[in-house]
């Protein structure tokens, strides 16, 4: 019986390396792989043009698409990218902000209102620190369809060439939510993280909530899945094995494979906090994170209703 031929696009991580280099292959599938290199613009291909059968994409984009009636994709519980959000909140010291509640009434710069970074950052501020999100004056340079925003959202869309990073440094916005440290954070003393001890704050948050925020998920074309439902388990198994191949137990064998002087300490610390599987796939180990995501999506206007976790994923992998 001939193998099912599929195309795949994803970013090269340690957890996807074995898939992209072909050292691991899925059962029953002839997989043509392509590496996503330009992370910022390449998303348009798998999301807008659907040119791959299997693709990595931001989970928030997938959920928003479902809510808008775009049901041509279905997700597998393979979470290729995830990160905590305490470290993404930067403030200008001159705005006299020392605690999350101080953001109320302030101007806070964000990228895409409907992105995963802002979703998790706002959810964190609201649920863990009691910040009234309607009292925050959000500022963005990205176009937003205002009719899709909740009525309570105070959002200003700016034009012009000045970046939000420059505005943060100048005090024209009081805070900024960003994946990457703004340039002013490295060269000035008055731009700092809101959570200066963010590592310990994130560990405490994880221990309290069991939430490890998810950014990207693996999706497949629904028509291919419905004709070949077995392929969901095959792909899940492939990515899970590839992740395990790069797991904590592989990171140090007497030789440091990474230029990280504290590698052994980092491995031991990670095991103490997260256990042996620090990057779990499947639904059972990610229930708290996914429940929080569907709640935040509804609360913040990403979706018209709160979806159940089971609605988001292929039925043939719901039990993993």
Protein backbone atom coordinates (compact mmCIF):
# COMPACT_ATOMS: atom_id res chain seq x y z
CA UNK A 1 0.00 0.00 0.00
CA UNK A 2 1.51 3.39 -1.00
CA UNK A 3 2.28 5.88 1.74
CA UNK A 4 0.21 9.02 2.21
CA UNK A 5 2.17 11.95 0.78
CA UNK A 6 2.09 15.10 2.89
CA UNK A 7 3.96 18.42 3.03
CA UNK A 8 5.02 19.96 6.34
CA UNK A 9 6.35 23.36 7.42
CA UNK A 10 7.71 24.15 10.87
CA UNK A 11 10.49 26.04 12.65
CA UNK A 12 13.75 24.28 13.48
CA UNK A 13 13.88 23.74 17.21
CA UNK A 14 15.73 21.09 19.19
CA UNK A 15 12.35 19.32 19.41
CA UNK A 16 11.79 19.34 15.63
CA UNK A 17 15.35 18.74 14.46
CA UNK A 18 14.87 14.98 13.93
CA UNK A 19 11.78 15.67 11.79
CA UNK A 20 13.43 18.31 9.63
CA UNK A 21 16.65 16.38 9.04
CA UNK A 22 14.72 13.21 8.20
CA UNK A 23 16.30 11.03 10.88
CA UNK A 24 12.77 10.29 12.14
CA UNK A 25 9.84 9.65 9.81
CA UNK A 26 6.13 9.04 10.45
CA UNK A 27 4.55 5.62 10.00
CA UNK A 28 2.59 5.33 6.75
CA UNK A 29 3.44 8.88 5.59
CA UNK A 30 5.87 10.15 2.97
CA UNK A 31 6.60 13.56 4.50
CA UNK A 32 8.15 16.42 2.49
CA UNK A 33 9.45 18.92 5.05
CA UNK A 34 10.26 22.60 4.79
CA UNK A 35 11.82 24.74 7.48
CA UNK A 36 10.15 28.02 8.42
CA UNK A 37 13.02 30.52 8.46
CA UNK A 38 11.37 33.95 8.38
CA UNK A 39 9.26 33.61 11.52
CA UNK A 40 7.54 36.97 11.15
CA UNK A 41 6.19 36.73 7.59
CA UNK A 42 6.21 33.02 6.77
CA UNK A 43 3.07 32.49 8.84
CA UNK A 44 1.09 33.99 5.97
CA UNK A 45 1.80 30.93 3.84
CA UNK A 46 0.41 28.16 6.04
CA UNK A 47 -2.29 30.39 7.52
CA UNK A 48 -3.60 32.43 4.61
CA UNK A 49 -2.71 30.37 1.58
CA UNK A 50 -2.86 26.84 3.05
CA UNK A 51 0.00 25.65 0.87
CA UNK A 52 1.10 22.93 3.32
CA UNK A 53 -0.80 19.88 4.46
CA UNK A 54 0.70 20.07 7.96
CA UNK A 55 2.03 23.28 9.50
CA UNK A 56 3.06 25.02 12.68
CA UNK A 57 0.98 28.09 13.41
CA UNK A 58 0.13 30.36 16.36
CA UNK A 59 -2.58 28.76 18.46
CA UNK A 60 -4.45 32.04 18.81
CA UNK A 61 -4.68 32.39 15.00
CA UNK A 62 -6.10 28.88 14.80
CA UNK A 63 -8.71 29.53 17.50
CA UNK A 64 -9.72 32.87 15.95
CA UNK A 65 -10.06 31.14 12.57
CA UNK A 66 -12.37 28.50 14.01
CA UNK A 67 -14.53 31.20 15.57
CA UNK A 68 -14.77 32.96 12.22
CA UNK A 69 -15.95 29.77 10.53
CA UNK A 70 -12.66 28.69 8.96
CA UNK A 71 -12.86 24.99 9.70
CA UNK A 72 -10.47 23.76 7.00
CA UNK A 73 -7.74 23.11 9.59
CA UNK A 74 -7.71 20.92 12.67
CA UNK A 75 -5.12 20.96 15.44
CA UNK A 76 -3.03 18.20 16.98
CA UNK A 77 -1.92 18.59 20.62
CA UNK A 78 1.70 19.17 19.58
CA UNK A 79 2.80 22.44 21.16
CA UNK A 80 5.98 23.46 19.40
CA UNK A 81 6.47 26.87 21.00
CA UNK A 82 5.62 28.09 24.47
CA UNK A 83 6.96 30.65 26.94
CA UNK A 84 6.06 32.44 30.14
CA UNK A 85 5.01 36.07 29.99
CA UNK A 86 6.38 37.82 33.08
CA UNK A 87 9.57 38.65 31.20
CA UNK A 88 7.71 40.42 28.36
CA UNK A 89 6.49 43.40 30.42
CA UNK A 90 8.79 46.46 30.25
CA UNK A 91 8.17 49.80 31.94
CA UNK A 92 9.62 53.30 32.03
CA UNK A 93 10.75 53.96 35.62
CA UNK A 94 9.77 57.61 35.26
CA UNK A 95 6.12 56.56 35.08
CA UNK A 96 6.29 55.46 38.73
CA UNK A 97 5.20 51.88 38.17
CA UNK A 98 6.33 49.34 40.73
CA UNK A 99 3.51 46.79 40.67
CA UNK A 100 1.15 45.37 38.03
CA UNK A 101 -1.86 47.34 39.36
CA UNK A 102 0.08 50.51 38.53
CA UNK A 103 -0.62 49.79 34.84
CA UNK A 104 -4.22 50.92 35.32
CA UNK A 105 -4.66 54.34 33.75
CA UNK A 106 -1.32 54.06 31.93
CA UNK A 107 -0.45 53.82 28.22
CA UNK A 108 0.81 50.33 27.39
CA UNK A 109 2.27 49.55 23.98
CA UNK A 110 1.46 46.20 22.37
CA UNK A 111 2.08 44.60 19.00
CA UNK A 112 -0.86 42.67 17.57
CA UNK A 113 -3.87 42.96 19.88
CA UNK A 114 -4.96 39.47 18.84
CA UNK A 115 -1.53 37.85 19.24
CA UNK A 116 -0.52 35.15 21.73
CA UNK A 117 2.00 37.37 23.53
CA UNK A 118 -0.60 39.98 24.42
CA UNK A 119 -3.25 37.35 25.18
CA UNK A 120 -1.14 35.63 27.83
CA UNK A 121 0.29 38.88 29.22
CA UNK A 122 -3.17 40.39 29.71
CA UNK A 123 -4.51 37.14 31.14
CA UNK A 124 -1.63 37.04 33.60
CA UNK A 125 -2.19 40.63 34.69
CA UNK A 126 -5.92 40.13 35.13
CA UNK A 127 -6.10 36.69 36.74
CA UNK A 128 -2.98 36.73 38.90
CA UNK A 129 -2.58 40.40 39.80
CA UNK A 130 -6.12 41.77 39.65
CA UNK A 131 -5.40 44.37 36.96
CA UNK A 132 -8.56 45.91 35.50
CA UNK A 133 -7.79 45.54 31.79
CA UNK A 134 -10.50 48.06 30.85
CA UNK A 135 -8.56 50.69 32.83
CA UNK A 136 -5.41 50.20 30.75
CA UNK A 137 -4.92 52.47 27.73
CA UNK A 138 -3.53 50.10 25.10
CA UNK A 139 -1.48 51.55 22.25
CA UNK A 140 -0.55 49.72 19.03
CA UNK A 141 0.89 50.35 15.59
CA UNK A 142 -1.03 47.43 14.07
CA UNK A 143 -4.35 47.86 12.31
CA UNK A 144 -7.30 46.47 14.23
CA UNK A 145 -10.90 45.88 13.16
CA UNK A 146 -12.52 47.81 15.99
CA UNK A 147 -15.85 46.02 15.62
CA UNK A 148 -14.09 42.85 16.79
CA UNK A 149 -12.88 44.42 20.03
CA UNK A 150 -14.86 44.15 23.27
CA UNK A 151 -16.55 47.44 24.13
CA UNK A 152 -14.47 47.68 27.30
CA UNK A 153 -11.14 47.77 25.44
CA UNK A 154 -9.46 51.19 25.30
CA UNK A 155 -7.17 50.89 22.26
CA UNK A 156 -5.42 53.62 20.32
CA UNK A 157 -3.97 52.79 16.89
CA UNK A 158 -1.01 55.02 16.08
CA UNK A 159 0.39 56.07 12.72
CA UNK A 160 3.80 57.52 11.95
CA UNK A 161 7.31 56.16 11.93
CA UNK A 162 8.16 56.26 15.62
CA UNK A 163 8.34 52.76 17.10
CA UNK A 164 6.79 51.70 20.38
CA UNK A 165 10.31 50.98 21.65
CA UNK A 166 11.26 54.61 21.00
CA UNK A 167 8.06 55.79 22.64
CA UNK A 168 8.80 53.69 25.73
CA UNK A 169 12.27 55.19 26.03
CA UNK A 170 10.89 58.71 25.63
CA UNK A 171 8.07 58.10 28.11
CA UNK A 172 5.36 58.52 25.47
CA UNK A 173 4.09 55.10 26.51
CA UNK A 174 4.52 53.97 30.09
CA UNK A 175 4.96 50.26 29.40
CA UNK A 176 5.52 47.89 26.52
CA UNK A 177 4.72 44.20 26.00
CA UNK A 178 7.41 42.58 23.87
CA UNK A 179 8.84 39.11 23.23
CA UNK A 180 12.28 40.60 22.65
CA UNK A 181 13.96 43.07 25.00
CA UNK A 182 13.63 46.60 23.56
CA UNK A 183 16.89 48.30 22.64
CA UNK A 184 16.44 50.85 25.42
CA UNK A 185 16.39 48.06 28.00
CA UNK A 186 20.02 47.31 27.17
CA UNK A 187 21.31 50.87 26.99
CA UNK A 188 19.35 52.93 29.52
CA UNK A 189 18.66 52.66 33.22
CA UNK A 190 15.08 53.92 33.14
CA UNK A 191 13.64 51.11 31.00
CA UNK A 192 13.31 47.98 33.15
CA UNK A 193 11.20 44.86 33.46
CA UNK A 194 8.04 45.21 35.53
CA UNK A 195 8.88 41.83 37.05
CA UNK A 196 12.59 42.26 37.73
CA UNK A 197 12.78 38.83 39.38
CA UNK A 198 10.80 37.32 36.51
CA UNK A 199 12.41 33.87 36.69
CA UNK A 200 11.23 33.21 40.23
CA UNK A 201 7.88 34.86 39.51
CA UNK A 202 7.36 32.53 36.55
CA UNK A 203 8.33 29.47 38.57
CA UNK A 204 5.92 30.47 41.34
CA UNK A 205 3.18 31.07 38.75
CA UNK A 206 3.73 27.61 37.22
CA UNK A 207 3.74 25.87 40.59
CA UNK A 208 0.52 27.63 41.57
CA UNK A 209 -1.42 27.20 38.30
CA UNK A 210 0.30 24.39 36.34
CA UNK A 211 0.08 26.76 33.33
CA UNK A 212 2.93 26.86 30.81
CA UNK A 213 1.68 29.29 28.12
CA UNK A 214 1.41 27.84 24.61
CA UNK A 215 2.29 29.87 21.51
CA UNK A 216 2.31 27.50 18.52
CA UNK A 217 0.43 24.33 17.63
CA UNK A 218 0.60 21.80 14.79
CA UNK A 219 -2.35 21.86 12.39
CA UNK A 220 -3.39 19.63 9.48
CA UNK A 221 -5.81 20.15 6.64
CA UNK A 222 -9.16 18.85 7.84
CA UNK A 223 -10.13 17.16 4.57
CA UNK A 224 -6.93 15.09 4.60
CA UNK A 225 -7.46 14.19 8.26
CA UNK A 226 -11.08 13.15 7.71
CA UNK A 227 -10.07 10.85 4.84
CA UNK A 228 -7.10 9.47 6.78
CA UNK A 229 -7.84 9.84 10.51
CA UNK A 230 -4.97 7.49 11.42
CA UNK A 231 -2.48 10.10 10.23
CA UNK A 232 -3.14 12.23 13.34
CA UNK A 233 -1.73 9.54 15.63
CA UNK A 234 1.19 8.95 13.27
CA UNK A 235 2.17 12.62 13.24
CA UNK A 236 1.67 12.99 16.97
CA UNK A 237 3.91 10.00 17.62
CA UNK A 238 6.56 11.40 15.27
CA UNK A 239 6.75 14.77 16.98
CA UNK A 240 6.60 13.27 20.45
CA UNK A 241 9.52 10.94 19.66
CA UNK A 242 11.48 13.83 18.11
CA UNK A 243 10.89 15.90 21.26
CA UNK A 244 12.04 13.05 23.49
CA UNK A 245 15.16 12.65 21.36
CA UNK A 246 16.09 16.21 22.37
CA UNK A 247 14.91 15.88 25.99
CA UNK A 248 16.64 16.79 29.22
CA UNK A 249 18.29 13.38 29.48
CA UNK A 250 20.03 14.02 26.13
CA UNK A 251 21.38 17.47 26.88
CA UNK A 252 24.43 16.42 28.84
CA UNK A 253 26.39 13.18 28.47
CA UNK A 254 29.68 14.38 29.92
CA UNK A 255 30.14 16.92 27.14
CA UNK A 256 28.36 20.27 26.90
CA UNK A 257 26.57 20.35 23.56
CA UNK A 258 25.46 23.93 24.21
CA UNK A 259 27.58 26.97 25.04
CA UNK A 260 25.89 27.32 28.41
CA UNK A 261 28.33 27.18 31.33
CA UNK A 262 25.52 26.45 33.79
CA UNK A 263 24.00 23.68 31.65
CA UNK A 264 24.12 20.94 34.30
CA UNK A 265 22.60 23.25 36.91
CA UNK A 266 19.87 24.35 34.48
CA UNK A 267 18.98 20.73 33.67
CA UNK A 268 18.77 19.76 37.33
CA UNK A 269 16.71 22.84 38.20
CA UNK A 270 14.32 22.24 35.30
CA UNK A 271 13.75 18.64 36.42
CA UNK A 272 12.96 19.81 39.96
CA UNK A 273 10.34 22.24 38.68
CA UNK A 274 8.83 20.50 35.65
CA UNK A 275 9.80 16.85 36.03
CA UNK A 276 11.46 14.79 33.31
CA UNK A 277 9.00 15.98 30.63
CA UNK A 278 9.39 19.75 30.73
CA UNK A 279 7.62 20.31 27.40
CA UNK A 280 4.54 18.08 27.41
CA UNK A 281 2.41 17.32 24.37
CA UNK A 282 -1.09 15.84 24.54
CA UNK A 283 -4.17 17.14 26.32
CA UNK A 284 -4.04 15.60 29.79
CA UNK A 285 -0.81 17.32 30.86
CA UNK A 286 -1.88 20.62 29.28
CA UNK A 287 -5.44 20.86 30.54
CA UNK A 288 -4.84 23.84 32.85
CA UNK A 289 -2.98 25.76 30.14
CA UNK A 290 -5.60 25.09 27.45
CA UNK A 291 -8.49 25.92 29.79
CA UNK A 292 -6.81 29.24 30.56
CA UNK A 293 -6.27 29.92 26.86
CA UNK A 294 -9.93 29.37 25.92
CA UNK A 295 -10.97 31.59 28.85
CA UNK A 296 -8.60 34.39 27.85
CA UNK A 297 -9.66 34.15 24.19
CA UNK A 298 -13.30 34.69 25.10
CA UNK A 299 -12.67 37.31 27.79
CA UNK A 300 -10.45 39.39 25.50
CA UNK A 301 -12.62 39.24 22.38
CA UNK A 302 -10.64 36.72 20.32
CA UNK A 303 -13.71 34.45 20.16
CA UNK A 304 -17.44 35.02 20.35
CA UNK A 305 -17.85 32.24 22.92
CA UNK A 306 -15.65 30.11 25.14
CA UNK A 307 -14.64 26.93 23.34
CA UNK A 308 -14.11 23.63 25.08
CA UNK A 309 -10.64 22.14 24.77
CA UNK A 310 -12.00 19.09 22.94
CA UNK A 311 -13.50 21.31 20.22
CA UNK A 312 -10.05 22.48 19.19
CA UNK A 313 -8.30 19.18 18.53
CA UNK A 314 -8.56 16.12 16.30
CA UNK A 315 -10.77 13.50 17.99
CA UNK A 316 -8.29 10.72 17.24
CA UNK A 317 -5.70 12.28 19.58
CA UNK A 318 -7.94 13.54 22.36
CA UNK A 319 -6.91 10.72 24.66
CA UNK A 320 -3.13 11.20 24.43
